[in-house]
Amino acid sequence: MKRKRVSYAKYGYLFSIPFVVTFLICTLYPIIFTGVIGFTNLKGSTMAFSDAKFLPSLGQGLWDNFSETLTAPTFHTALINTIKMWVVNFIPQISLALILSAWFTNNHKKIKAQGFFKVVFYLPNIITAATIGILFANLFAYPKGPINDILIQLGFIDNPYNFAVSASASQNNVSFMQFWTWYGNTMIVLIAGILGINPEMYEAAEIDGASGNQQFFYITIPNLKTMLLYTLVTSLIGGMQMFDIPRVFQNGQPQNATLTASLYIYTQAFSGSYQYNKAAAASLVMFVIISILSAVVFIVLKDKDEAKLHKIIKQQEREYKKKVKLAKQQLLKEGR
């Protein structure tokens, strides 16, 4: 008796429906809607979307909102601040995460209470960004605040220092908050990557007399390329969207020193004249910038040897299929 085979493929499609519906409603639709707004004159708190008109119908250029955004000095400042604060926080973040992940995965050191330290290092990532912004705003409060009190007690300063009026100090504080929030998450990702490396490679290196540093730079780092690429791209995307901490900490001040691109978009849309069209245009500009930067990073840091091997395999598959096809044609000609 022939048994009826059960197909489980349909259940996969059923389980994917909630994600697809959520993505279409909460992600794809807002992106398309934002794109449409960028080409209209929609602004003001009382103007309905149905009353908005496309710019060409008003005698303006279709790309006017985008050109005004790209030439706005405030947008330039916000974009430079965003890139600067991301770079300043990412370099120490990835460096410390690499060191900690190497320590925690080193079988010779065998650090005690690893689980406790991992939880402590990861803990800042659990705290909401708004809470971190409020926390550090109170730590650096003027004239009475814990940081000022500590600096005075240690003799570094004689009088309380107002961090809120210093552009460089404010930027560094935001960068440090971003670093403190995310280095634990980066560490966990890298630890997972290191644990995925074949331990026989380390055993062979030890037999050959390789030191711990040599193993780290010649085994760990090369085999972590994919995880490092993932970390860099996701950090870049998150850094370009930096909003919560600068907004709560000092709301872009002083002198727009902590103004980020996302905060600029928020200000355009929900402050003053409510220029939704300019905010939408700036959002699409940032989308393009993030996409280009991510693509550049991916191309520069991708594993060229793996890509070359993949290309060779594909070429061999094409040649094999071509030979099979020619063999079938030959058999047909011979009447077999």
C-alpha atoms as a PDB file:
ATOM      1  CA  MET A   1       0.000   0.000   0.000  1.00  0.00           C
ATOM      2  CA  LYS A   2       1.405   3.319  -1.050  1.00  0.00           C
ATOM      3  CA  ARG A   3       1.577   5.848   1.765  1.00  0.00           C
ATOM      4  CA  LYS A   4       0.467   9.387   1.163  1.00  0.00           C
ATOM      5  CA  ARG A   5       3.343  11.819   1.656  1.00  0.00           C
ATOM      6  CA  VAL A   6       2.691  14.776   3.950  1.00  0.00           C
ATOM      7  CA  SER A   7       3.889  18.134   2.678  1.00  0.00           C
ATOM      8  CA  TYR A   8       5.047  20.486   5.416  1.00  0.00           C
ATOM      9  CA  ALA A   9       5.941  23.349   3.068  1.00  0.00           C
ATOM     10  CA  LYS A  10       2.523  24.981   3.468  1.00  0.00           C
ATOM     11  CA  TYR A  11       3.064  25.328   7.229  1.00  0.00           C
ATOM     12  CA  GLY A  12       6.171  27.385   6.582  1.00  0.00           C
ATOM     13  CA  TYR A  13       4.135  29.811   4.492  1.00  0.00           C
ATOM     14  CA  LEU A  14       1.452  29.965   7.189  1.00  0.00           C
ATOM     15  CA  PHE A  15       3.992  30.785   9.906  1.00  0.00           C
ATOM     16  CA  SER A  16       5.498  33.537   7.726  1.00  0.00           C
ATOM     17  CA  ILE A  17       2.150  35.318   7.229  1.00  0.00           C
ATOM     18  CA  PRO A  18       2.283  37.364  10.512  1.00  0.00           C
ATOM     19  CA  PHE A  19       5.748  38.699   9.629  1.00  0.00           C
ATOM     20  CA  VAL A  20       4.774  39.494   6.029  1.00  0.00           C
ATOM     21  CA  VAL A  21       1.602  41.333   7.112  1.00  0.00           C
ATOM     22  CA  THR A  22       3.484  43.263   9.823  1.00  0.00           C
ATOM     23  CA  PHE A  23       6.249  44.183   7.373  1.00  0.00           C
ATOM     24  CA  LEU A  24       3.804  45.392   4.726  1.00  0.00           C
ATOM     25  CA  ILE A  25       1.790  47.522   7.168  1.00  0.00           C
ATOM     26  CA  CYS A  26       4.470  48.787   9.559  1.00  0.00           C
ATOM     27  CA  THR A  27       7.531  49.042   7.294  1.00  0.00           C
ATOM     28  CA  LEU A  28       6.865  48.987   3.554  1.00  0.00           C
ATOM     29  CA  TYR A  29       3.769  51.221   3.624  1.00  0.00           C
ATOM     30  CA  PRO A  30       5.443  53.967   5.761  1.00  0.00           C
ATOM     31  CA  ILE A  31       8.499  53.930   3.451  1.00  0.00           C
ATOM     32  CA  ILE A  32       6.324  54.359   0.333  1.00  0.00           C
ATOM     33  CA  PHE A  33       4.173  56.985   2.062  1.00  0.00           C
ATOM     34  CA  THR A  34       7.280  58.916   3.138  1.00  0.00           C
ATOM     35  CA  GLY A  35       8.621  58.753  -0.416  1.00  0.00           C
ATOM     36  CA  VAL A  36       5.396  60.207  -1.783  1.00  0.00           C
ATOM     37  CA  ILE A  37       5.364  63.039   0.787  1.00  0.00           C
ATOM     38  CA  GLY A  38       8.893  64.029  -0.261  1.00  0.00           C
ATOM     39  CA  PHE A  39       7.565  65.157  -3.652  1.00  0.00           C
ATOM     40  CA  THR A  40       4.636  67.207  -2.278  1.00  0.00           C
ATOM     41  CA  ASN A  41       4.054  70.484  -0.410  1.00  0.00           C
ATOM     42  CA  LEU A  42       2.651  68.786   2.699  1.00  0.00           C
ATOM     43  CA  LYS A  43       3.438  70.895   5.755  1.00  0.00           C
ATOM     44  CA  GLY A  44       1.711  72.573   8.662  1.00  0.00           C
ATOM     45  CA  SER A  45      -0.102  70.994  11.586  1.00  0.00           C
ATOM     46  CA  THR A  46      -3.584  71.445  10.027  1.00  0.00           C
ATOM     47  CA  MET A  47      -2.930  70.463   6.398  1.00  0.00           C
ATOM     48  CA  ALA A  48      -4.390  67.074   5.462  1.00  0.00           C
ATOM     49  CA  PHE A  49      -2.620  64.696   3.115  1.00  0.00           C
ATOM     50  CA  SER A  50      -5.605  64.844   0.747  1.00  0.00           C
ATOM     51  CA  ASP A  51      -4.969  68.599   0.334  1.00  0.00           C
ATOM     52  CA  ALA A  52      -1.274  68.145  -0.514  1.00  0.00           C
ATOM     53  CA  LYS A  53      -0.185  68.579  -4.122  1.00  0.00           C
ATOM     54  CA  PHE A  54       2.804  67.396  -6.071  1.00  0.00           C
ATOM     55  CA  LEU A  55       5.386  70.135  -6.613  1.00  0.00           C
ATOM     56  CA  PRO A  56       5.207  70.198 -10.459  1.00  0.00           C
ATOM     57  CA  SER A  57       1.505  71.107 -10.246  1.00  0.00           C
ATOM     58  CA  LEU A  58       2.548  74.165  -8.184  1.00  0.00           C
ATOM     59  CA  GLY A  59       5.093  75.305 -10.742  1.00  0.00           C
ATOM     60  CA  GLN A  60       8.052  73.888  -8.791  1.00  0.00           C
ATOM     61  CA  GLY A  61      10.625  71.243  -9.583  1.00  0.00           C
ATOM     62  CA  LEU A  62       9.894  67.664  -8.601  1.00  0.00           C
ATOM     63  CA  TRP A  63      13.201  67.408  -6.670  1.00  0.00           C
ATOM     64  CA  ASP A  64      13.050  70.808  -4.920  1.00  0.00           C
ATOM     65  CA  ASN A  65      12.578  69.354  -1.423  1.00  0.00           C
ATOM     66  CA  PHE A  66      15.605  67.111  -1.908  1.00  0.00           C
ATOM     67  CA  SER A  67      17.816  69.874  -3.327  1.00  0.00           C
ATOM     68  CA  GLU A  68      16.884  72.200  -0.450  1.00  0.00           C
ATOM     69  CA  THR A  69      17.702  69.459   2.049  1.00  0.00           C
ATOM     70  CA  LEU A  70      21.070  68.710   0.441  1.00  0.00           C
ATOM     71  CA  THR A  71      22.036  72.400   0.423  1.00  0.00           C
ATOM     72  CA  ALA A  72      20.781  73.186   3.953  1.00  0.00           C
ATOM     73  CA  PRO A  73      23.729  74.069   6.268  1.00  0.00           C
ATOM     74  CA  THR A  74      21.921  72.584   9.273  1.00  0.00           C
ATOM     75  CA  PHE A  75      21.563  69.231   7.491  1.00  0.00           C
ATOM     76  CA  HIS A  76      25.287  69.284   6.663  1.00  0.00           C
ATOM     77  CA  THR A  77      26.058  69.927  10.336  1.00  0.00           C
ATOM     78  CA  ALA A  78      23.740  67.118  11.458  1.00  0.00           C
ATOM     79  CA  LEU A  79      25.259  64.649   8.982  1.00  0.00           C
ATOM     80  CA  ILE A  80      28.849  65.501   9.973  1.00  0.00           C
ATOM     81  CA  ASN A  81      27.963  65.255  13.674  1.00  0.00           C
ATOM     82  CA  THR A  82      26.330  61.867  13.118  1.00  0.00           C
ATOM     83  CA  ILE A  83      29.331  60.406  11.291  1.00  0.00           C
ATOM     84  CA  LYS A  84      31.800  61.919  13.756  1.00  0.00           C
ATOM     85  CA  MET A  85      30.023  60.635  16.876  1.00  0.00           C
ATOM     86  CA  TRP A  86      29.560  57.190  15.329  1.00  0.00           C
ATOM     87  CA  VAL A  87      33.267  56.868  14.443  1.00  0.00           C
ATOM     88  CA  VAL A  88      34.366  58.098  17.893  1.00  0.00           C
ATOM     89  CA  ASN A  89      32.154  55.508  19.627  1.00  0.00           C
ATOM     90  CA  PHE A  90      32.625  52.580  17.231  1.00  0.00           C
ATOM     91  CA  ILE A  91      36.448  52.398  17.248  1.00  0.00           C
ATOM     92  CA  PRO A  92      36.755  51.878  21.054  1.00  0.00           C
ATOM     93  CA  GLN A  93      33.572  49.766  20.997  1.00  0.00           C
ATOM     94  CA  ILE A  94      34.905  47.177  18.531  1.00  0.00           C
ATOM     95  CA  SER A  95      38.388  47.284  20.112  1.00  0.00           C
ATOM     96  CA  LEU A  96      37.155  46.586  23.650  1.00  0.00           C
ATOM     97  CA  ALA A  97      34.662  43.985  22.397  1.00  0.00           C
ATOM     98  CA  LEU A  98      37.468  42.119  20.583  1.00  0.00           C
ATOM     99  CA  ILE A  99      39.694  42.148  23.681  1.00  0.00           C
ATOM    100  CA  LEU A 100      36.913  40.944  25.993  1.00  0.00           C
ATOM    101  CA  SER A 101      35.753  38.252  23.576  1.00  0.00           C
ATOM    102  CA  ALA A 102      39.359  36.998  23.232  1.00  0.00           C
ATOM    103  CA  TRP A 103      39.716  36.841  27.038  1.00  0.00           C
ATOM    104  CA  PHE A 104      36.421  35.052  27.600  1.00  0.00           C
ATOM    105  CA  THR A 105      37.140  32.428  24.924  1.00  0.00           C
ATOM    106  CA  ASN A 106      40.749  31.783  25.975  1.00  0.00           C
ATOM    107  CA  ASN A 107      40.907  28.271  27.412  1.00  0.00           C
ATOM    108  CA  HIS A 108      44.260  28.912  29.116  1.00  0.00           C
ATOM    109  CA  LYS A 109      43.213  31.990  31.112  1.00  0.00           C
ATOM    110  CA  LYS A 110      39.956  30.405  32.317  1.00  0.00           C
ATOM    111  CA  ILE A 111      38.539  33.618  33.777  1.00  0.00           C
ATOM    112  CA  LYS A 112      36.323  32.908  36.782  1.00  0.00           C
ATOM    113  CA  ALA A 113      32.694  34.078  36.940  1.00  0.00           C
ATOM    114  CA  GLN A 114      32.544  34.600  33.177  1.00  0.00           C
ATOM    115  CA  GLY A 115      28.758  34.478  33.182  1.00  0.00           C
ATOM    116  CA  PHE A 116      28.572  37.279  35.749  1.00  0.00           C
ATOM    117  CA  PHE A 117      30.940  39.538  33.821  1.00  0.00           C
ATOM    118  CA  LYS A 118      29.129  38.899  30.540  1.00  0.00           C
ATOM    119  CA  VAL A 119      25.831  39.905  32.135  1.00  0.00           C
ATOM    120  CA  VAL A 120      27.388  43.053  33.643  1.00  0.00           C
ATOM    121  CA  PHE A 121      28.961  44.102  30.335  1.00  0.00           C
ATOM    122  CA  TYR A 122      25.748  43.397  28.400  1.00  0.00           C
ATOM    123  CA  LEU A 123      23.469  45.092  30.954  1.00  0.00           C
ATOM    124  CA  PRO A 124      23.695  48.652  29.478  1.00  0.00           C
ATOM    125  CA  ASN A 125      22.222  47.309  26.234  1.00  0.00           C
ATOM    126  CA  ILE A 126      19.067  46.284  28.093  1.00  0.00           C
ATOM    127  CA  ILE A 127      18.494  49.801  29.475  1.00  0.00           C
ATOM    128  CA  THR A 128      16.454  52.040  27.187  1.00  0.00           C
ATOM    129  CA  ALA A 129      18.321  54.803  25.359  1.00  0.00           C
ATOM    130  CA  ALA A 130      16.062  57.468  26.892  1.00  0.00           C
ATOM    131  CA  THR A 131      16.932  56.228  30.390  1.00  0.00           C
ATOM    132  CA  ILE A 132      20.655  56.388  29.579  1.00  0.00           C
ATOM    133  CA  GLY A 133      20.265  59.953  28.294  1.00  0.00           C
ATOM    134  CA  ILE A 134      18.500  61.044  31.508  1.00  0.00           C
ATOM    135  CA  LEU A 135      21.066  59.193  33.651  1.00  0.00           C
ATOM    136  CA  PHE A 136      24.066  60.911  32.056  1.00  0.00           C
ATOM    137  CA  ALA A 137      22.323  64.287  32.023  1.00  0.00           C
ATOM    138  CA  ASN A 138      22.103  64.021  35.814  1.00  0.00           C
ATOM    139  CA  LEU A 139      25.667  62.685  36.146  1.00  0.00           C
ATOM    140  CA  PHE A 140      27.049  65.719  34.266  1.00  0.00           C
ATOM    141  CA  ALA A 141      24.643  68.194  35.887  1.00  0.00           C
ATOM    142  CA  TYR A 142      25.832  71.735  36.676  1.00  0.00           C
ATOM    143  CA  PRO A 143      26.684  73.124  39.187  1.00  0.00           C
ATOM    144  CA  LYS A 144      26.031  70.073  41.406  1.00  0.00           C
ATOM    145  CA  GLY A 145      26.503  66.666  39.881  1.00  0.00           C
ATOM    146  CA  PRO A 146      28.418  63.448  40.629  1.00  0.00           C
ATOM    147  CA  ILE A 147      31.022  64.011  37.880  1.00  0.00           C
ATOM    148  CA  ASN A 148      31.773  67.577  38.982  1.00  0.00           C
ATOM    149  CA  ASP A 149      31.977  66.481  42.620  1.00  0.00           C
ATOM    150  CA  ILE A 150      34.436  63.679  41.755  1.00  0.00           C
ATOM    151  CA  LEU A 151      36.638  65.955  39.617  1.00  0.00           C
ATOM    152  CA  ILE A 152      36.758  68.595  42.377  1.00  0.00           C
ATOM    153  CA  GLN A 153      37.555  65.993  45.055  1.00  0.00           C
ATOM    154  CA  LEU A 154      40.402  64.586  42.925  1.00  0.00           C
ATOM    155  CA  GLY A 155      41.786  68.074  42.340  1.00  0.00           C
ATOM    156  CA  PHE A 156      41.392  68.100  38.550  1.00  0.00           C
ATOM    157  CA  ILE A 157      39.248  71.267  38.648  1.00  0.00           C
ATOM    158  CA  ASP A 158      38.710  74.007  41.230  1.00  0.00           C
ATOM    159  CA  ASN A 159      35.203  75.052  40.208  1.00  0.00           C
ATOM    160  CA  PRO A 160      32.271  73.101  38.695  1.00  0.00           C
ATOM    161  CA  TYR A 161      32.528  72.725  34.918  1.00  0.00           C
ATOM    162  CA  ASN A 162      29.409  73.228  32.791  1.00  0.00           C
ATOM    163  CA  PHE A 163      29.611  70.357  30.295  1.00  0.00           C
ATOM    164  CA  ALA A 164      26.323  71.457  28.698  1.00  0.00           C
ATOM    165  CA  VAL A 165      27.854  74.606  27.138  1.00  0.00           C
ATOM    166  CA  SER A 166      30.880  72.845  25.621  1.00  0.00           C
ATOM    167  CA  ALA A 167      30.331  71.520  22.095  1.00  0.00           C
ATOM    168  CA  SER A 168      33.255  69.068  22.214  1.00  0.00           C
ATOM    169  CA  ALA A 169      32.358  67.797  25.699  1.00  0.00           C
ATOM    170  CA  SER A 170      28.732  67.254  24.665  1.00  0.00           C
ATOM    171  CA  GLN A 171      29.729  65.328  21.534  1.00  0.00           C
ATOM    172  CA  ASN A 172      32.181  63.187  23.499  1.00  0.00           C
ATOM    173  CA  ASN A 173      29.532  62.471  26.134  1.00  0.00           C
ATOM    174  CA  VAL A 174      27.057  61.288  23.477  1.00  0.00           C
ATOM    175  CA  SER A 175      29.766  59.159  21.845  1.00  0.00           C
ATOM    176  CA  PHE A 176      30.665  57.617  25.211  1.00  0.00           C
ATOM    177  CA  MET A 177      27.013  56.845  25.935  1.00  0.00           C
ATOM    178  CA  GLN A 178      26.679  55.099  22.574  1.00  0.00           C
ATOM    179  CA  PHE A 179      29.901  53.160  23.230  1.00  0.00           C
ATOM    180  CA  TRP A 180      28.840  52.182  26.771  1.00  0.00           C
ATOM    181  CA  THR A 181      25.435  51.034  25.523  1.00  0.00           C
ATOM    182  CA  TRP A 182      26.587  48.823  22.652  1.00  0.00           C
ATOM    183  CA  TYR A 183      30.019  47.373  23.440  1.00  0.00           C
ATOM    184  CA  GLY A 184      28.450  44.517  25.455  1.00  0.00           C
ATOM    185  CA  ASN A 185      26.191  43.538  22.570  1.00  0.00           C
ATOM    186  CA  THR A 186      29.147  43.603  20.158  1.00  0.00           C
ATOM    187  CA  MET A 187      31.147  41.461  22.587  1.00  0.00           C
ATOM    188  CA  ILE A 188      28.419  38.776  22.703  1.00  0.00           C
ATOM    189  CA  VAL A 189      28.232  38.665  18.887  1.00  0.00           C
ATOM    190  CA  LEU A 190      32.016  38.277  18.567  1.00  0.00           C
ATOM    191  CA  ILE A 191      32.123  35.594  21.268  1.00  0.00           C
ATOM    192  CA  ALA A 192      29.563  33.614  19.272  1.00  0.00           C
ATOM    193  CA  GLY A 193      31.744  34.014  16.181  1.00  0.00           C
ATOM    194  CA  ILE A 194      34.914  32.869  17.962  1.00  0.00           C
ATOM    195  CA  LEU A 195      33.176  29.813  19.433  1.00  0.00           C
ATOM    196  CA  GLY A 196      32.241  28.849  15.878  1.00  0.00           C
ATOM    197  CA  ILE A 197      35.896  28.598  14.806  1.00  0.00           C
ATOM    198  CA  ASN A 198      37.244  25.054  14.566  1.00  0.00           C
ATOM    199  CA  PRO A 199      39.254  24.449  17.817  1.00  0.00           C
ATOM    200  CA  GLU A 200      41.628  22.138  15.916  1.00  0.00           C
ATOM    201  CA  MET A 201      43.108  25.227  14.278  1.00  0.00           C
ATOM    202  CA  TYR A 202      44.162  26.579  17.687  1.00  0.00           C
ATOM    203  CA  GLU A 203      45.496  23.169  18.745  1.00  0.00           C
ATOM    204  CA  ALA A 204      47.622  22.957  15.591  1.00  0.00           C
ATOM    205  CA  ALA A 205      48.904  26.498  16.166  1.00  0.00           C
ATOM    206  CA  GLU A 206      49.906  25.636  19.763  1.00  0.00           C
ATOM    207  CA  ILE A 207      51.790  22.567  18.561  1.00  0.00           C
ATOM    208  CA  ASP A 208      53.654  24.786  16.077  1.00  0.00           C
ATOM    209  CA  GLY A 209      54.579  27.115  18.947  1.00  0.00           C
ATOM    210  CA  ALA A 210      52.314  30.064  18.082  1.00  0.00           C
ATOM    211  CA  SER A 211      51.792  32.566  20.907  1.00  0.00           C
ATOM    212  CA  GLY A 212      48.407  33.840  22.072  1.00  0.00           C
ATOM    213  CA  ASN A 213      48.798  37.094  20.119  1.00  0.00           C
ATOM    214  CA  GLN A 214      49.769  35.208  16.963  1.00  0.00           C
ATOM    215  CA  GLN A 215      46.748  32.954  17.298  1.00  0.00           C
ATOM    216  CA  PHE A 216      44.524  36.019  17.751  1.00  0.00           C
ATOM    217  CA  PHE A 217      45.827  37.918  14.714  1.00  0.00           C
ATOM    218  CA  TYR A 218      46.387  34.980  12.355  1.00  0.00           C
ATOM    219  CA  ILE A 219      43.483  32.684  13.288  1.00  0.00           C
ATOM    220  CA  THR A 220      40.797  34.563  15.206  1.00  0.00           C
ATOM    221  CA  ILE A 221      40.670  37.807  13.211  1.00  0.00           C
ATOM    222  CA  PRO A 222      40.721  36.202   9.713  1.00  0.00           C
ATOM    223  CA  ASN A 223      37.979  33.749  10.704  1.00  0.00           C
ATOM    224  CA  LEU A 224      35.902  36.561  12.216  1.00  0.00           C
ATOM    225  CA  LYS A 225      35.672  38.560   8.985  1.00  0.00           C
ATOM    226  CA  THR A 226      32.002  37.737   8.455  1.00  0.00           C
ATOM    227  CA  MET A 227      31.040  38.637  12.037  1.00  0.00           C
ATOM    228  CA  LEU A 228      33.130  41.822  11.915  1.00  0.00           C
ATOM    229  CA  LEU A 229      31.438  42.792   8.668  1.00  0.00           C
ATOM    230  CA  TYR A 230      28.027  42.145  10.206  1.00  0.00           C
ATOM    231  CA  THR A 231      28.939  44.184  13.292  1.00  0.00           C
ATOM    232  CA  LEU A 232      30.297  47.074  11.236  1.00  0.00           C
ATOM    233  CA  VAL A 233      27.290  47.271   8.905  1.00  0.00           C
ATOM    234  CA  THR A 234      24.688  47.011  11.683  1.00  0.00           C
ATOM    235  CA  SER A 235      26.587  49.544  13.803  1.00  0.00           C
ATOM    236  CA  LEU A 236      26.819  51.891  10.823  1.00  0.00           C
ATOM    237  CA  ILE A 237      23.088  51.674  10.199  1.00  0.00           C
ATOM    238  CA  GLY A 238      22.306  52.191  13.887  1.00  0.00           C
ATOM    239  CA  GLY A 239      24.804  55.042  14.177  1.00  0.00           C
ATOM    240  CA  MET A 240      23.333  56.888  11.193  1.00  0.00           C
ATOM    241  CA  GLN A 241      19.915  56.596  12.895  1.00  0.00           C
ATOM    242  CA  MET A 242      21.165  57.903  16.263  1.00  0.00           C
ATOM    243  CA  PHE A 243      18.262  59.741  17.891  1.00  0.00           C
ATOM    244  CA  ASP A 244      17.194  58.856  21.449  1.00  0.00           C
ATOM    245  CA  ILE A 245      20.338  59.714  23.395  1.00  0.00           C
ATOM    246  CA  PRO A 246      21.079  63.093  21.689  1.00  0.00           C
ATOM    247  CA  ARG A 247      17.375  64.008  21.924  1.00  0.00           C
ATOM    248  CA  VAL A 248      17.029  63.291  25.653  1.00  0.00           C
ATOM    249  CA  PHE A 249      20.549  64.312  26.675  1.00  0.00           C
ATOM    250  CA  GLN A 250      20.693  67.848  25.243  1.00  0.00           C
ATOM    251  CA  ASN A 251      18.257  67.914  22.317  1.00  0.00           C
ATOM    252  CA  GLY A 252      20.999  68.681  19.795  1.00  0.00           C
ATOM    253  CA  GLN A 253      22.596  71.485  21.808  1.00  0.00           C
ATOM    254  CA  PRO A 254      24.836  73.368  22.395  1.00  0.00           C
ATOM    255  CA  GLN A 255      25.083  75.157  19.042  1.00  0.00           C
ATOM    256  CA  ASN A 256      23.793  72.054  17.220  1.00  0.00           C
ATOM    257  CA  ALA A 257      26.878  70.118  18.400  1.00  0.00           C
ATOM    258  CA  THR A 258      24.821  66.997  19.220  1.00  0.00           C
ATOM    259  CA  LEU A 259      22.315  67.457  16.390  1.00  0.00           C
ATOM    260  CA  THR A 260      22.097  64.192  14.424  1.00  0.00           C
ATOM    261  CA  ALA A 261      20.431  63.451  11.091  1.00  0.00           C
ATOM    262  CA  SER A 262      17.481  61.684  12.746  1.00  0.00           C
ATOM    263  CA  LEU A 263      17.064  64.540  15.214  1.00  0.00           C
ATOM    264  CA  TYR A 264      17.162  67.008  12.302  1.00  0.00           C
ATOM    265  CA  ILE A 265      14.380  65.035  10.563  1.00  0.00           C
ATOM    266  CA  TYR A 266      12.334  64.979  13.775  1.00  0.00           C
ATOM    267  CA  THR A 267      12.782  68.729  14.210  1.00  0.00           C
ATOM    268  CA  GLN A 268      11.701  69.406  10.630  1.00  0.00           C
ATOM    269  CA  ALA A 269       8.564  67.285  10.977  1.00  0.00           C
ATOM    270  CA  PHE A 270       7.358  68.032  14.493  1.00  0.00           C
ATOM    271  CA  SER A 271       8.688  71.463  15.412  1.00  0.00           C
ATOM    272  CA  GLY A 272       7.941  74.959  14.182  1.00  0.00           C
ATOM    273  CA  SER A 273       6.291  74.891  10.756  1.00  0.00           C
ATOM    274  CA  TYR A 274       5.824  71.098  10.607  1.00  0.00           C
ATOM    275  CA  GLN A 275       7.544  70.658   7.251  1.00  0.00           C
ATOM    276  CA  TYR A 276       6.627  67.053   6.613  1.00  0.00           C
ATOM    277  CA  ASN A 277       7.756  67.292   2.991  1.00  0.00           C
ATOM    278  CA  LYS A 278      11.269  68.445   3.944  1.00  0.00           C
ATOM    279  CA  ALA A 279      11.479  65.807   6.689  1.00  0.00           C
ATOM    280  CA  ALA A 280      10.417  63.093   4.232  1.00  0.00           C
ATOM    281  CA  ALA A 281      13.001  64.286   1.717  1.00  0.00           C
ATOM    282  CA  ALA A 282      15.719  64.221   4.388  1.00  0.00           C
ATOM    283  CA  SER A 283      14.630  60.704   5.394  1.00  0.00           C
ATOM    284  CA  LEU A 284      15.021  59.441   1.826  1.00  0.00           C
ATOM    285  CA  VAL A 285      18.389  61.189   1.490  1.00  0.00           C
ATOM    286  CA  MET A 286      19.588  59.413   4.650  1.00  0.00           C
ATOM    287  CA  PHE A 287      18.197  56.129   3.321  1.00  0.00           C
ATOM    288  CA  VAL A 288      20.300  56.522   0.169  1.00  0.00           C
ATOM    289  CA  ILE A 289      23.410  57.574   2.149  1.00  0.00           C
ATOM    290  CA  ILE A 290      23.105  54.597   4.531  1.00  0.00           C
ATOM    291  CA  SER A 291      22.567  52.201   1.615  1.00  0.00           C
ATOM    292  CA  ILE A 292      25.641  53.508  -0.234  1.00  0.00           C
ATOM    293  CA  LEU A 293      27.860  53.405   2.867  1.00  0.00           C
ATOM    294  CA  SER A 294      26.687  49.880   3.740  1.00  0.00           C
ATOM    295  CA  ALA A 295      27.331  48.687   0.175  1.00  0.00           C
ATOM    296  CA  VAL A 296      30.827  50.224   0.184  1.00  0.00           C
ATOM    297  CA  VAL A 297      31.681  48.597   3.519  1.00  0.00           C
ATOM    298  CA  PHE A 298      30.362  45.246   2.313  1.00  0.00           C
ATOM    299  CA  ILE A 299      32.354  45.392  -0.942  1.00  0.00           C
ATOM    300  CA  VAL A 300      35.581  46.504   0.745  1.00  0.00           C
ATOM    301  CA  LEU A 301      35.485  44.022   3.635  1.00  0.00           C
ATOM    302  CA  LYS A 302      33.905  40.965   2.029  1.00  0.00           C
ATOM    303  CA  ASP A 303      35.964  37.794   1.916  1.00  0.00           C
ATOM    304  CA  LYS A 304      37.559  37.979  -1.532  1.00  0.00           C
ATOM    305  CA  ASP A 305      38.911  34.403  -1.343  1.00  0.00           C
ATOM    306  CA  GLU A 306      35.479  33.031  -0.538  1.00  0.00           C
ATOM    307  CA  ALA A 307      33.927  35.096  -3.338  1.00  0.00           C
ATOM    308  CA  LYS A 308      36.563  33.796  -5.769  1.00  0.00           C
ATOM    309  CA  LEU A 309      35.910  30.202  -4.673  1.00  0.00           C
ATOM    310  CA  HIS A 310      32.162  30.715  -5.078  1.00  0.00           C
ATOM    311  CA  LYS A 311      32.768  32.072  -8.575  1.00  0.00           C
ATOM    312  CA  ILE A 312      34.890  29.032  -9.500  1.00  0.00           C
ATOM    313  CA  ILE A 313      32.217  26.643  -8.204  1.00  0.00           C
ATOM    314  CA  LYS A 314      29.535  28.433 -10.207  1.00  0.00           C
ATOM    315  CA  GLN A 315      31.700  28.273 -13.319  1.00  0.00           C
ATOM    316  CA  GLN A 316      32.232  24.535 -12.827  1.00  0.00           C
ATOM    317  CA  GLU A 317      28.484  24.012 -12.398  1.00  0.00           C
ATOM    318  CA  ARG A 318      27.783  25.880 -15.651  1.00  0.00           C
ATOM    319  CA  GLU A 319      30.394  23.818 -17.489  1.00  0.00           C
ATOM    320  CA  TYR A 320      28.959  20.583 -16.083  1.00  0.00           C
ATOM    321  CA  LYS A 321      25.415  21.517 -17.138  1.00  0.00           C
ATOM    322  CA  LYS A 322      26.700  22.445 -20.591  1.00  0.00           C
ATOM    323  CA  LYS A 323      28.430  19.045 -20.938  1.00  0.00           C
ATOM    324  CA  VAL A 324      25.271  17.215 -19.804  1.00  0.00           C
ATOM    325  CA  LYS A 325      23.209  19.152 -22.332  1.00  0.00           C
ATOM    326  CA  LEU A 326      25.643  18.367 -25.162  1.00  0.00           C
ATOM    327  CA  ALA A 327      25.662  14.682 -24.164  1.00  0.00           C
ATOM    328  CA  LYS A 328      21.849  14.536 -24.294  1.00  0.00           C
ATOM    329  CA  GLN A 329      21.845  16.204 -27.737  1.00  0.00           C
ATOM    330  CA  GLN A 330      24.416  13.689 -28.961  1.00  0.00           C
ATOM    331  CA  LEU A 331      22.315  10.769 -27.721  1.00  0.00           C
ATOM    332  CA  LEU A 332      19.241  12.167 -29.466  1.00  0.00           C
ATOM    333  CA  LYS A 333      21.171  12.471 -32.753  1.00  0.00           C
ATOM    334  CA  GLU A 334      22.290   8.846 -32.491  1.00  0.00           C
ATOM    335  CA  GLY A 335      18.672   7.815 -31.930  1.00  0.00           C
ATOM    336  CA  ARG A 336      19.202   6.267 -28.555  1.00  0.00           C
END
